[in-house]
Amino acid sequence: MLLQAPLQALRLRSSAPSLPAISWRTAGPIAGVVVVTLLLLSPWYGYHRDELYFRLLGQSPAWGYFDQPPLTPLLARLSTTLFGDTIVGLRVVPALCAGLLILLGTAITRELGGDRSAQTLAAAGLGTGMFPLVAGHTLLTQSADFVFWTACMLFVLRALLRGDGRWWVAAGAVAGAATFNKHLIVLLITGLATGLLISVGLAVKGPRAVFADRWFWSGALLAAVIASPNLLYQATHGWPQLAMAATLSEQENRIMFVPMLVALLSMGGFVIAVAGWLWLRRRQETRALAIASLVTILLGLVSGGRADYVAGSVIFAFVAGCVPVTAWTRSRVARRRTVWWGLLGSSVIGIAVALPLLPLPALNFSPNEVSRESVGWPRFVAQVAGVHRRLPAGTVVLTSNYGEAGALDRFAPGIPVYSGHNELWYQGPPPETARTVVAVGMPPAGLRARFGSCASAGVIDLGTGVANEEQGLPITVCSGLRTSWKTAWPDFKHAS
């Protein structure tokens, strides 16, 4: 009985003031322009290595893979099936995700009381933010991950502010579904649990009522049920995600974490996000979410992950910050101009870096690795295929990474390709009849230990002037495998 009173008070308070109308006339066109622009620019540069990998994995759908859950490869398969096996067809899904992210972010701003001006600012910031554009231009795991995080935060916010526990079920469903894309949603769940528990300790009434709400526990149970196939896959395959997490944790990520955190949207967007976090922290009903955002960011830093792994928390703080910032600008035109010029002006560099707008030589100085690794693949394949054509029938290609394997599958599907990189190692070695290989990107010294003879067939030259991971890698022709492929294959296994 004592716990029902705060819950009833929350319901009465949240239902008394009506929310502003959602500004479809501004958010909708901004989202539409972003989607169309991304599709128009989608053929520029070329496939990113991850896209080629997802396309390759999507040809053999599974419940999970060594290095990731199944959703992104499945989206690659779906997108190319519906829209054509082209770079434009593959990139329809990330473009739509970018548009959906804008609409969800705008809905959060509205949920916090933001009027049309605040919603327009939120939509514009997300539509010009560097990392949302990168993930909208290229099919990455972040493309859907940003959407999942933002949708989950929206539903949690509605559960807290509206006092309607049924939104916990929606949040649980989204959190469970998100595990099929990336397991990073666990960081958000940990942050939310921490925020709610700390808020209870601070005697904040709203979160206290949450733990007495059967809908909250129903949502948590639903999340666990939906995520259970992922848990089962991990348990039956030796918890590969733990191995991948250890592999991807790097000291360089920690060094670059804060600078990249600032650059996720733009400098102006980050300032608004900080203002939003402070505003959320001061309000009792949203303090738990402010704590959750901070906890997820700290977890990302401590674990050695990249800043974009927790971009959802920055996005949430930004769209929340649009509410107090627009209120601050309402009384003075000069303030409004400062905010808009600061946001859009600081986005110009991010837009140029995120989208395929720079001349190729300039990519050597760009912080956007995605663009650098998206050029030269057709020429790479032509060079490797030229070597392969000169060799006896039954010769296979052995690549050092999944991008190379995916590129050969896309542009030279008749060439048998194998790789020991990540999930591709589990797809098995070449047949025992394959005694000659074209090895790409592998140190010749290591190959000589396995083969009777190895000879250089040149080095990769993409002809773009871009110093990416493929430029200058060796091509080696080896024959006379000293052992069976079954015996040799473990030596080719590697993860990154």
Protein backbone atom coordinates (compact mmCIF):
# COMPACT_ATOMS: atom_id res chain seq x y z
CA MET A 1 0.00 0.00 0.00
CA LEU A 2 2.80 2.42 0.86
CA LEU A 3 4.42 1.88 -2.53
CA GLN A 4 1.17 2.42 -4.44
CA ALA A 5 0.88 6.05 -3.34
CA PRO A 6 4.02 7.30 -5.08
CA LEU A 7 3.02 5.39 -8.21
CA GLN A 8 -0.44 6.97 -8.20
CA ALA A 9 1.10 10.38 -7.64
CA LEU A 10 3.38 9.82 -10.58
CA ARG A 11 0.44 8.90 -12.79
CA LEU A 12 -1.53 11.95 -11.78
CA ARG A 13 1.44 14.26 -12.24
CA SER A 14 2.49 12.84 -15.60
CA SER A 15 -1.01 12.82 -17.03
CA ALA A 16 -1.91 16.36 -15.92
CA PRO A 17 0.16 18.42 -18.37
CA SER A 18 -0.30 17.44 -22.00
CA LEU A 19 2.80 16.82 -24.06
CA PRO A 20 3.63 19.08 -26.99
CA ALA A 21 2.62 17.72 -30.36
CA ILE A 22 5.37 15.85 -32.14
CA SER A 23 6.68 18.07 -34.91
CA TRP A 24 6.28 15.83 -37.94
CA ARG A 25 6.50 18.86 -40.23
CA THR A 26 10.12 19.43 -39.26
CA ALA A 27 11.40 16.05 -38.04
CA GLY A 28 9.86 14.17 -40.95
CA PRO A 29 11.41 16.27 -43.73
CA ILE A 30 14.80 16.32 -41.98
CA ALA A 31 14.75 12.53 -41.68
CA GLY A 32 13.61 12.22 -45.29
CA VAL A 33 16.35 14.51 -46.61
CA VAL A 34 18.98 12.57 -44.66
CA VAL A 35 17.77 9.21 -46.00
CA VAL A 36 17.65 10.44 -49.61
CA THR A 37 21.07 12.09 -49.33
CA LEU A 38 22.61 8.93 -47.91
CA LEU A 39 21.15 6.83 -50.72
CA LEU A 40 22.39 9.26 -53.37
CA LEU A 41 25.90 9.15 -51.91
CA SER A 42 25.88 5.40 -51.24
CA PRO A 43 27.81 4.37 -54.41
CA TRP A 44 30.70 6.76 -53.72
CA TYR A 45 34.07 5.31 -52.63
CA GLY A 46 32.86 1.72 -52.37
CA TYR A 47 32.10 -1.11 -49.97
CA HIS A 48 33.61 -1.05 -46.50
CA ARG A 49 35.40 -4.25 -45.48
CA ASP A 50 32.76 -4.94 -42.79
CA GLU A 51 29.97 -4.68 -45.38
CA LEU A 52 31.70 -7.24 -47.57
CA TYR A 53 32.00 -9.51 -44.53
CA PHE A 54 28.34 -9.10 -43.56
CA ARG A 55 27.29 -9.80 -47.12
CA LEU A 56 29.39 -12.98 -47.09
CA LEU A 57 28.06 -14.17 -43.72
CA GLY A 58 24.50 -13.39 -44.77
CA GLN A 59 24.72 -16.10 -47.41
CA SER A 60 24.81 -18.66 -44.57
CA PRO A 61 22.41 -17.38 -41.88
CA ALA A 62 23.05 -18.74 -38.39
CA TRP A 63 21.98 -18.15 -34.80
CA GLY A 64 25.31 -16.53 -34.14
CA TYR A 65 28.90 -16.13 -35.24
CA PHE A 66 32.22 -16.17 -33.44
CA ASP A 67 32.58 -12.39 -33.55
CA GLN A 68 28.98 -11.14 -33.49
CA PRO A 69 25.28 -11.94 -33.22
CA PRO A 70 23.32 -12.72 -36.40
CA LEU A 71 21.26 -9.60 -37.11
CA THR A 72 23.59 -7.40 -39.17
CA PRO A 73 24.53 -10.19 -41.63
CA LEU A 74 20.82 -11.00 -41.84
CA LEU A 75 20.06 -7.35 -42.61
CA ALA A 76 22.70 -7.46 -45.34
CA ARG A 77 21.00 -10.51 -46.82
CA LEU A 78 17.55 -8.90 -46.53
CA SER A 79 18.63 -5.60 -48.05
CA THR A 80 20.41 -7.14 -51.03
CA THR A 81 17.51 -9.55 -51.62
CA LEU A 82 14.91 -6.78 -51.62
CA PHE A 83 16.87 -3.99 -53.30
CA GLY A 84 19.51 -5.79 -55.35
CA ASP A 85 22.99 -7.15 -54.71
CA THR A 86 24.63 -3.77 -55.26
CA ILE A 87 26.25 -1.29 -52.96
CA VAL A 88 23.12 0.89 -53.13
CA GLY A 89 20.89 -2.09 -52.37
CA LEU A 90 23.04 -3.04 -49.38
CA ARG A 91 22.94 0.47 -47.97
CA VAL A 92 19.17 0.99 -47.99
CA VAL A 93 18.92 -0.48 -44.49
CA PRO A 94 21.53 1.80 -42.81
CA ALA A 95 19.99 4.85 -44.50
CA LEU A 96 16.56 3.92 -43.13
CA CYS A 97 18.11 3.35 -39.70
CA ALA A 98 19.52 6.89 -39.80
CA GLY A 99 16.08 8.29 -40.58
CA LEU A 100 14.46 6.23 -37.82
CA LEU A 101 17.10 7.40 -35.33
CA ILE A 102 16.14 11.01 -36.06
CA LEU A 103 12.45 10.30 -35.44
CA LEU A 104 13.13 8.39 -32.21
CA GLY A 105 15.44 11.12 -30.92
CA THR A 106 12.81 13.73 -31.70
CA ALA A 107 10.25 11.66 -29.79
CA ILE A 108 12.51 11.69 -26.71
CA THR A 109 12.81 15.47 -26.90
CA ARG A 110 9.04 15.74 -27.10
CA GLU A 111 8.61 13.29 -24.20
CA LEU A 112 10.71 15.60 -22.04
CA GLY A 113 8.46 18.55 -22.89
CA GLY A 114 10.36 19.89 -25.86
CA ASP A 115 8.29 22.01 -28.22
CA ARG A 116 8.67 22.33 -31.98
CA SER A 117 11.87 24.38 -31.67
CA ALA A 118 13.50 21.82 -29.40
CA GLN A 119 12.41 18.93 -31.61
CA THR A 120 13.76 20.68 -34.71
CA LEU A 121 17.11 21.23 -32.99
CA ALA A 122 17.25 17.56 -32.00
CA ALA A 123 16.42 16.36 -35.51
CA ALA A 124 18.97 18.71 -37.07
CA GLY A 125 21.70 17.64 -34.66
CA LEU A 126 21.15 13.94 -35.31
CA GLY A 127 20.82 14.53 -39.04
CA THR A 128 24.22 16.24 -39.19
CA GLY A 129 26.04 14.28 -36.47
CA MET A 130 29.24 12.56 -37.59
CA PHE A 131 28.74 9.04 -36.25
CA PRO A 132 25.01 8.80 -37.09
CA LEU A 133 25.97 9.74 -40.66
CA VAL A 134 28.82 7.22 -40.77
CA ALA A 135 26.46 4.47 -39.58
CA GLY A 136 23.79 5.69 -42.00
CA HIS A 137 26.08 5.69 -45.01
CA THR A 138 27.69 2.30 -44.33
CA LEU A 139 26.09 -0.91 -43.05
CA LEU A 140 27.79 -1.38 -39.69
CA THR A 141 26.63 -3.05 -36.50
CA GLN A 142 26.20 0.48 -35.14
CA SER A 143 23.59 1.24 -37.82
CA ALA A 144 20.90 -0.72 -35.98
CA ASP A 145 22.54 -0.41 -32.56
CA PHE A 146 21.94 3.35 -32.38
CA VAL A 147 18.26 2.70 -33.13
CA PHE A 148 17.94 -0.02 -30.49
CA TRP A 149 19.56 2.09 -27.76
CA THR A 150 17.48 5.16 -28.56
CA ALA A 151 14.22 3.20 -28.73
CA CYS A 152 15.01 1.50 -25.41
CA MET A 153 15.74 4.85 -23.74
CA LEU A 154 12.52 6.31 -25.16
CA PHE A 155 10.42 3.50 -23.70
CA VAL A 156 12.17 3.65 -20.32
CA LEU A 157 11.59 7.40 -20.26
CA ARG A 158 7.90 6.91 -20.98
CA ALA A 159 7.63 4.31 -18.23
CA LEU A 160 9.15 6.73 -15.72
CA LEU A 161 7.42 9.94 -16.79
CA ARG A 162 3.98 8.62 -17.70
CA GLY A 163 3.74 6.20 -14.82
CA ASP A 164 2.50 3.54 -17.23
CA GLY A 165 4.42 0.37 -16.45
CA ARG A 166 3.49 -1.25 -19.75
CA TRP A 167 6.30 0.73 -21.36
CA TRP A 168 8.73 -1.45 -19.38
CA VAL A 169 7.55 -4.38 -21.47
CA ALA A 170 8.29 -2.45 -24.65
CA ALA A 171 11.73 -1.52 -23.32
CA GLY A 172 12.39 -5.15 -22.42
CA ALA A 173 11.38 -6.34 -25.87
CA VAL A 174 13.74 -3.86 -27.53
CA ALA A 175 16.61 -4.70 -25.17
CA GLY A 176 16.17 -8.41 -25.85
CA ALA A 177 16.00 -7.88 -29.61
CA ALA A 178 19.11 -5.67 -29.47
CA THR A 179 21.20 -8.64 -28.33
CA PHE A 180 20.77 -10.13 -31.80
CA ASN A 181 22.70 -7.15 -33.16
CA LYS A 182 25.34 -6.36 -30.53
CA HIS A 183 25.81 -7.45 -26.95
CA LEU A 184 26.67 -3.88 -25.97
CA ILE A 185 23.06 -3.36 -24.88
CA VAL A 186 24.22 -5.09 -21.68
CA LEU A 187 26.11 -1.88 -20.86
CA LEU A 188 22.88 0.09 -21.10
CA ILE A 189 20.98 -2.44 -18.98
CA THR A 190 23.73 -2.29 -16.36
CA GLY A 191 23.62 1.50 -16.44
CA LEU A 192 19.83 1.59 -16.07
CA ALA A 193 19.89 -0.86 -13.17
CA THR A 194 22.60 1.19 -11.46
CA GLY A 195 20.71 4.43 -12.04
CA LEU A 196 17.47 3.05 -10.62
CA LEU A 197 19.19 1.54 -7.58
CA ILE A 198 21.11 4.74 -6.79
CA SER A 199 17.95 6.79 -7.21
CA VAL A 200 16.17 4.52 -4.75
CA GLY A 201 19.02 5.09 -2.32
CA LEU A 202 18.51 8.83 -2.79
CA ALA A 203 14.83 8.33 -1.92
CA VAL A 204 13.58 9.39 -5.35
CA LYS A 205 9.96 8.28 -5.38
CA GLY A 206 9.58 7.35 -9.04
CA PRO A 207 12.30 4.68 -9.16
CA ARG A 208 11.11 3.32 -5.80
CA ALA A 209 7.72 2.61 -7.33
CA VAL A 210 9.37 0.97 -10.31
CA PHE A 211 10.61 -2.00 -8.28
CA ALA A 212 7.07 -2.61 -7.00
CA ASP A 213 5.62 -2.59 -10.50
CA ARG A 214 4.91 -6.02 -11.97
CA TRP A 215 5.31 -4.55 -15.47
CA PHE A 216 8.94 -3.73 -14.71
CA TRP A 217 9.72 -7.33 -13.85
CA SER A 218 7.66 -8.54 -16.80
CA GLY A 219 9.81 -6.39 -19.08
CA ALA A 220 13.00 -7.74 -17.53
CA LEU A 221 11.76 -11.31 -17.97
CA LEU A 222 10.75 -10.65 -21.57
CA ALA A 223 14.21 -9.24 -22.33
CA ALA A 224 15.82 -12.37 -20.91
CA VAL A 225 13.51 -14.69 -22.87
CA ILE A 226 14.10 -12.90 -26.18
CA ALA A 227 17.86 -12.81 -25.58
CA SER A 228 18.04 -16.47 -24.51
CA PRO A 229 19.00 -17.84 -27.98
CA ASN A 230 22.08 -15.62 -27.86
CA LEU A 231 22.93 -16.81 -24.37
CA LEU A 232 22.47 -20.42 -25.48
CA TYR A 233 24.70 -19.89 -28.51
CA GLN A 234 27.44 -18.36 -26.36
CA ALA A 235 27.24 -21.14 -23.77
CA THR A 236 27.39 -23.91 -26.36
CA HIS A 237 30.27 -22.33 -28.30
CA GLY A 238 32.65 -21.56 -25.44
CA TRP A 239 31.60 -17.93 -24.87
CA PRO A 240 33.32 -16.52 -27.99
CA GLN A 241 32.10 -12.99 -27.24
CA LEU A 242 34.37 -12.86 -24.19
CA ALA A 243 37.33 -13.73 -26.40
CA MET A 244 36.34 -11.07 -28.91
CA ALA A 245 35.86 -8.46 -26.17
CA ALA A 246 39.38 -9.14 -24.89
CA THR A 247 40.73 -8.92 -28.44
CA LEU A 248 39.01 -5.61 -29.17
CA SER A 249 39.97 -3.98 -25.86
CA GLU A 250 42.92 -1.73 -26.59
CA GLN A 251 44.84 0.96 -24.71
CA GLU A 252 44.58 3.20 -27.78
CA ASN A 253 40.79 3.10 -27.43
CA ARG A 254 41.12 4.50 -23.90
CA ILE A 255 43.46 7.26 -25.07
CA MET A 256 41.13 8.29 -27.89
CA PHE A 257 37.91 7.68 -25.97
CA VAL A 258 37.22 11.23 -24.78
CA PRO A 259 38.20 12.98 -28.06
CA MET A 260 36.00 10.57 -30.02
CA LEU A 261 33.20 11.01 -27.48
CA VAL A 262 33.26 14.74 -28.19
CA ALA A 263 33.27 14.10 -31.94
CA LEU A 264 30.42 11.56 -31.97
CA LEU A 265 27.94 14.24 -33.04
CA SER A 266 29.86 17.52 -33.24
CA MET A 267 31.46 19.96 -30.84
CA GLY A 268 28.20 21.89 -30.63
CA GLY A 269 26.25 18.67 -30.18
CA PHE A 270 28.52 17.60 -27.34
CA VAL A 271 28.01 20.91 -25.51
CA ILE A 272 24.25 20.44 -25.78
CA ALA A 273 24.65 16.83 -24.57
CA VAL A 274 26.52 18.03 -21.47
CA ALA A 275 23.78 20.58 -20.80
CA GLY A 276 21.23 17.82 -21.26
CA TRP A 277 22.97 15.51 -18.81
CA LEU A 278 23.13 18.23 -16.15
CA TRP A 279 19.45 19.01 -16.71
CA LEU A 280 18.46 15.34 -16.45
CA ARG A 281 20.48 14.95 -13.26
CA ARG A 282 18.73 17.87 -11.57
CA ARG A 283 15.24 16.49 -12.24
CA GLN A 284 14.14 13.78 -9.81
CA GLU A 285 12.12 11.86 -12.37
CA THR A 286 15.03 11.64 -14.85
CA ARG A 287 17.98 11.39 -12.48
CA ALA A 288 18.14 7.62 -12.90
CA LEU A 289 18.62 8.06 -16.65
CA ALA A 290 21.37 10.64 -16.13
CA ILE A 291 23.18 8.17 -13.88
CA ALA A 292 22.60 5.38 -16.41
CA SER A 293 24.15 7.44 -19.21
CA LEU A 294 27.22 8.25 -17.15
CA VAL A 295 27.66 4.65 -16.02
CA THR A 296 27.52 3.29 -19.58
CA ILE A 297 30.12 5.80 -20.73
CA LEU A 298 32.43 4.93 -17.83
CA LEU A 299 32.00 1.22 -18.53
CA GLY A 300 32.93 1.82 -22.14
CA LEU A 301 36.06 3.70 -21.11
CA VAL A 302 37.21 1.21 -18.47
CA SER A 303 36.63 -1.80 -20.72
CA GLY A 304 38.86 -0.36 -23.45
CA GLY A 305 36.04 -0.12 -25.97
CA ARG A 306 35.59 2.57 -28.58
CA ALA A 307 33.55 5.69 -27.88
CA ASP A 308 30.98 4.79 -30.52
CA TYR A 309 30.09 1.69 -28.49
CA VAL A 310 28.28 3.98 -26.03
CA ALA A 311 27.14 6.59 -28.54
CA GLY A 312 23.53 5.87 -27.59
CA SER A 313 24.08 7.54 -24.22
CA VAL A 314 25.50 10.68 -25.86
CA ILE A 315 22.60 10.74 -28.32
CA PHE A 316 20.12 10.53 -25.45
CA ALA A 317 21.82 13.33 -23.52
CA PHE A 318 21.89 15.47 -26.67
CA VAL A 319 18.20 15.16 -27.53
CA ALA A 320 17.38 15.80 -23.87
CA GLY A 321 19.62 18.86 -23.86
CA CYS A 322 17.67 20.40 -26.72
CA VAL A 323 14.84 21.09 -24.25
CA PRO A 324 16.69 23.37 -21.77
CA VAL A 325 18.86 24.87 -24.51
CA THR A 326 15.88 26.04 -26.57
CA ALA A 327 14.24 27.36 -23.41
CA TRP A 328 17.42 29.36 -22.75
CA THR A 329 17.34 30.82 -26.26
CA ARG A 330 13.67 31.73 -26.28
CA SER A 331 14.08 35.20 -24.80
CA ARG A 332 16.92 36.36 -27.05
CA VAL A 333 17.42 36.00 -30.79
CA ALA A 334 21.20 36.25 -30.38
CA ARG A 335 21.22 33.16 -28.18
CA ARG A 336 19.16 31.23 -30.70
CA ARG A 337 21.56 32.18 -33.49
CA THR A 338 24.54 31.19 -31.35
CA VAL A 339 23.10 27.74 -30.67
CA TRP A 340 22.16 27.04 -34.28
CA TRP A 341 25.40 28.38 -35.75
CA GLY A 342 27.38 26.53 -33.09
CA LEU A 343 25.61 23.24 -33.83
CA LEU A 344 25.53 23.37 -37.62
CA GLY A 345 28.85 25.19 -37.97
CA SER A 346 30.69 22.57 -35.94
CA SER A 347 28.94 19.84 -37.94
CA VAL A 348 30.46 20.90 -41.27
CA ILE A 349 33.78 19.14 -40.69
CA GLY A 350 32.00 16.07 -39.34
CA ILE A 351 29.75 15.88 -42.40
CA ALA A 352 32.74 16.12 -44.74
CA VAL A 353 34.54 13.40 -42.78
CA ALA A 354 31.53 11.10 -42.37
CA LEU A 355 30.28 11.13 -45.95
CA PRO A 356 32.20 10.30 -49.16
CA LEU A 357 32.91 13.93 -50.01
CA LEU A 358 36.69 14.25 -49.64
CA PRO A 359 39.12 13.62 -52.51
CA LEU A 360 40.83 10.25 -52.09
CA PRO A 361 44.29 11.58 -51.10
CA ALA A 362 42.67 13.52 -48.25
CA LEU A 363 41.48 10.26 -46.68
CA ASN A 364 45.04 9.69 -45.45
CA PHE A 365 44.47 12.54 -42.98
CA SER A 366 40.85 11.77 -42.13
CA PRO A 367 39.95 10.36 -38.69
CA ASN A 368 37.27 8.28 -40.41
CA GLU A 369 38.74 4.79 -40.84
CA VAL A 370 35.53 3.63 -42.50
CA SER A 371 36.17 5.78 -45.57
CA ARG A 372 39.81 4.70 -45.90
CA GLU A 373 38.82 1.05 -45.86
CA SER A 374 36.11 1.58 -48.50
CA VAL A 375 38.30 2.27 -51.53
CA GLY A 376 40.14 0.09 -54.01
CA TRP A 377 38.39 -3.26 -53.58
CA PRO A 378 37.66 -3.90 -57.30
CA ARG A 379 41.31 -3.31 -58.16
CA PHE A 380 42.39 -5.52 -55.25
CA VAL A 381 40.24 -8.34 -56.61
CA ALA A 382 41.47 -7.83 -60.17
CA GLN A 383 45.07 -8.11 -59.01
CA VAL A 384 44.51 -11.28 -56.96
CA ALA A 385 42.32 -12.84 -59.67
CA GLY A 386 45.04 -12.16 -62.24
CA VAL A 387 47.51 -14.19 -60.19
CA HIS A 388 44.97 -16.96 -59.65
CA ARG A 389 44.22 -17.31 -63.37
CA ARG A 390 47.85 -18.15 -64.14
CA LEU A 391 47.89 -21.12 -61.75
CA PRO A 392 46.67 -24.73 -62.12
CA ALA A 393 43.04 -25.69 -61.63
CA GLY A 394 42.20 -26.37 -57.99
CA THR A 395 44.27 -23.46 -56.71
CA VAL A 396 42.58 -21.60 -53.84
CA VAL A 397 43.00 -18.13 -52.37
CA LEU A 398 43.85 -17.76 -48.70
CA THR A 399 43.21 -14.28 -47.28
CA SER A 400 44.50 -12.64 -44.14
CA ASN A 401 41.22 -10.91 -43.26
CA TYR A 402 37.49 -11.08 -43.83
CA GLY A 403 37.39 -7.94 -45.97
CA GLU A 404 39.62 -9.55 -48.57
CA ALA A 405 37.53 -12.72 -48.54
CA GLY A 406 34.31 -10.73 -48.85
CA ALA A 407 35.69 -8.65 -51.72
CA LEU A 408 36.70 -11.73 -53.69
CA ASP A 409 33.30 -13.30 -53.08
CA ARG A 410 31.59 -10.13 -54.32
CA PHE A 411 33.70 -9.30 -57.38
CA ALA A 412 35.12 -12.72 -58.34
CA PRO A 413 32.60 -15.27 -57.05
CA GLY A 414 34.12 -18.12 -59.07
CA ILE A 415 37.37 -18.13 -57.10
CA PRO A 416 37.43 -20.46 -54.05
CA VAL A 417 38.35 -18.32 -51.04
CA TYR A 418 39.27 -19.32 -47.50
CA SER A 419 40.38 -17.36 -44.46
CA GLY A 420 41.36 -17.98 -40.86
CA HIS A 421 39.98 -14.63 -39.73
CA ASN A 422 37.17 -14.58 -37.14
CA GLU A 423 34.07 -16.55 -38.19
CA LEU A 424 35.57 -17.56 -41.53
CA TRP A 425 38.01 -19.90 -39.79
CA TYR A 426 35.05 -21.92 -38.51
CA GLN A 427 33.79 -22.41 -42.06
CA GLY A 428 36.67 -24.81 -42.53
CA PRO A 429 39.94 -25.22 -44.42
CA PRO A 430 40.46 -25.72 -48.14
CA PRO A 431 39.92 -29.26 -49.48
CA GLU A 432 42.82 -31.66 -49.09
CA THR A 433 43.20 -31.67 -52.87
CA ALA A 434 44.21 -28.00 -52.79
CA ARG A 435 48.00 -28.08 -52.73
CA THR A 436 48.62 -24.63 -54.23
CA VAL A 437 47.38 -21.37 -52.72
CA VAL A 438 47.48 -17.67 -53.46
CA ALA A 439 48.12 -16.22 -50.01
CA VAL A 440 47.14 -12.56 -49.61
CA GLY A 441 48.46 -10.35 -46.84
CA MET A 442 50.34 -13.09 -44.97
CA PRO A 443 54.02 -12.91 -43.95
CA PRO A 444 56.00 -15.08 -46.40
CA ALA A 445 58.24 -16.40 -43.61
CA GLY A 446 55.29 -18.00 -41.85
CA LEU A 447 54.03 -19.52 -45.08
CA ARG A 448 57.39 -21.16 -45.84
CA ALA A 449 57.10 -23.15 -42.63
CA ARG A 450 53.95 -24.79 -43.99
CA PHE A 451 54.70 -25.12 -47.71
CA GLY A 452 57.51 -26.69 -49.69
CA SER A 453 57.92 -23.64 -51.91
CA CYS A 454 56.71 -20.04 -51.81
CA ALA A 455 57.30 -17.29 -54.36
CA SER A 456 56.32 -13.64 -54.39
CA ALA A 457 53.63 -12.67 -56.89
CA GLY A 458 53.79 -8.95 -56.14
CA VAL A 459 52.19 -6.61 -53.66
CA ILE A 460 48.74 -5.08 -53.51
CA ASP A 461 48.56 -1.68 -55.22
CA LEU A 462 45.09 -0.15 -55.07
CA GLY A 463 46.10 2.81 -57.21
CA THR A 464 44.15 5.23 -55.04
CA GLY A 465 46.94 6.96 -53.13
CA VAL A 466 45.20 5.92 -49.91
CA ALA A 467 47.35 4.17 -47.32
CA ASN A 468 44.77 1.76 -45.95
CA GLU A 469 45.21 -1.74 -44.53
CA GLU A 470 45.44 -3.43 -47.94
CA GLN A 471 47.92 -1.16 -49.68
CA GLY A 472 51.32 -2.84 -50.02
CA LEU A 473 50.36 -6.25 -48.65
CA PRO A 474 52.24 -9.20 -50.17
CA ILE A 475 50.76 -11.73 -52.59
CA THR A 476 52.53 -15.07 -52.29
CA VAL A 477 52.04 -18.25 -54.30
CA CYS A 478 52.76 -21.37 -52.26
CA SER A 479 52.64 -25.05 -53.16
CA GLY A 480 53.50 -28.38 -51.59
CA LEU A 481 51.64 -28.22 -48.29
CA ARG A 482 53.79 -30.17 -45.83
CA THR A 483 50.86 -31.55 -43.81
CA SER A 484 47.14 -32.06 -44.25
CA TRP A 485 44.92 -28.99 -44.18
CA LYS A 486 43.22 -30.39 -41.09
CA THR A 487 46.55 -30.34 -39.27
CA ALA A 488 47.64 -26.95 -40.60
CA TRP A 489 44.35 -25.08 -40.24
CA PRO A 490 44.63 -24.19 -36.51
CA ASP A 491 47.79 -22.19 -37.31
CA PHE A 492 45.78 -19.87 -39.56
CA LYS A 493 43.21 -18.97 -36.89
CA HIS A 494 43.23 -15.35 -35.71
CA ALA A 495 40.75 -12.77 -34.45
CA SER A 496 40.55 -8.99 -34.50
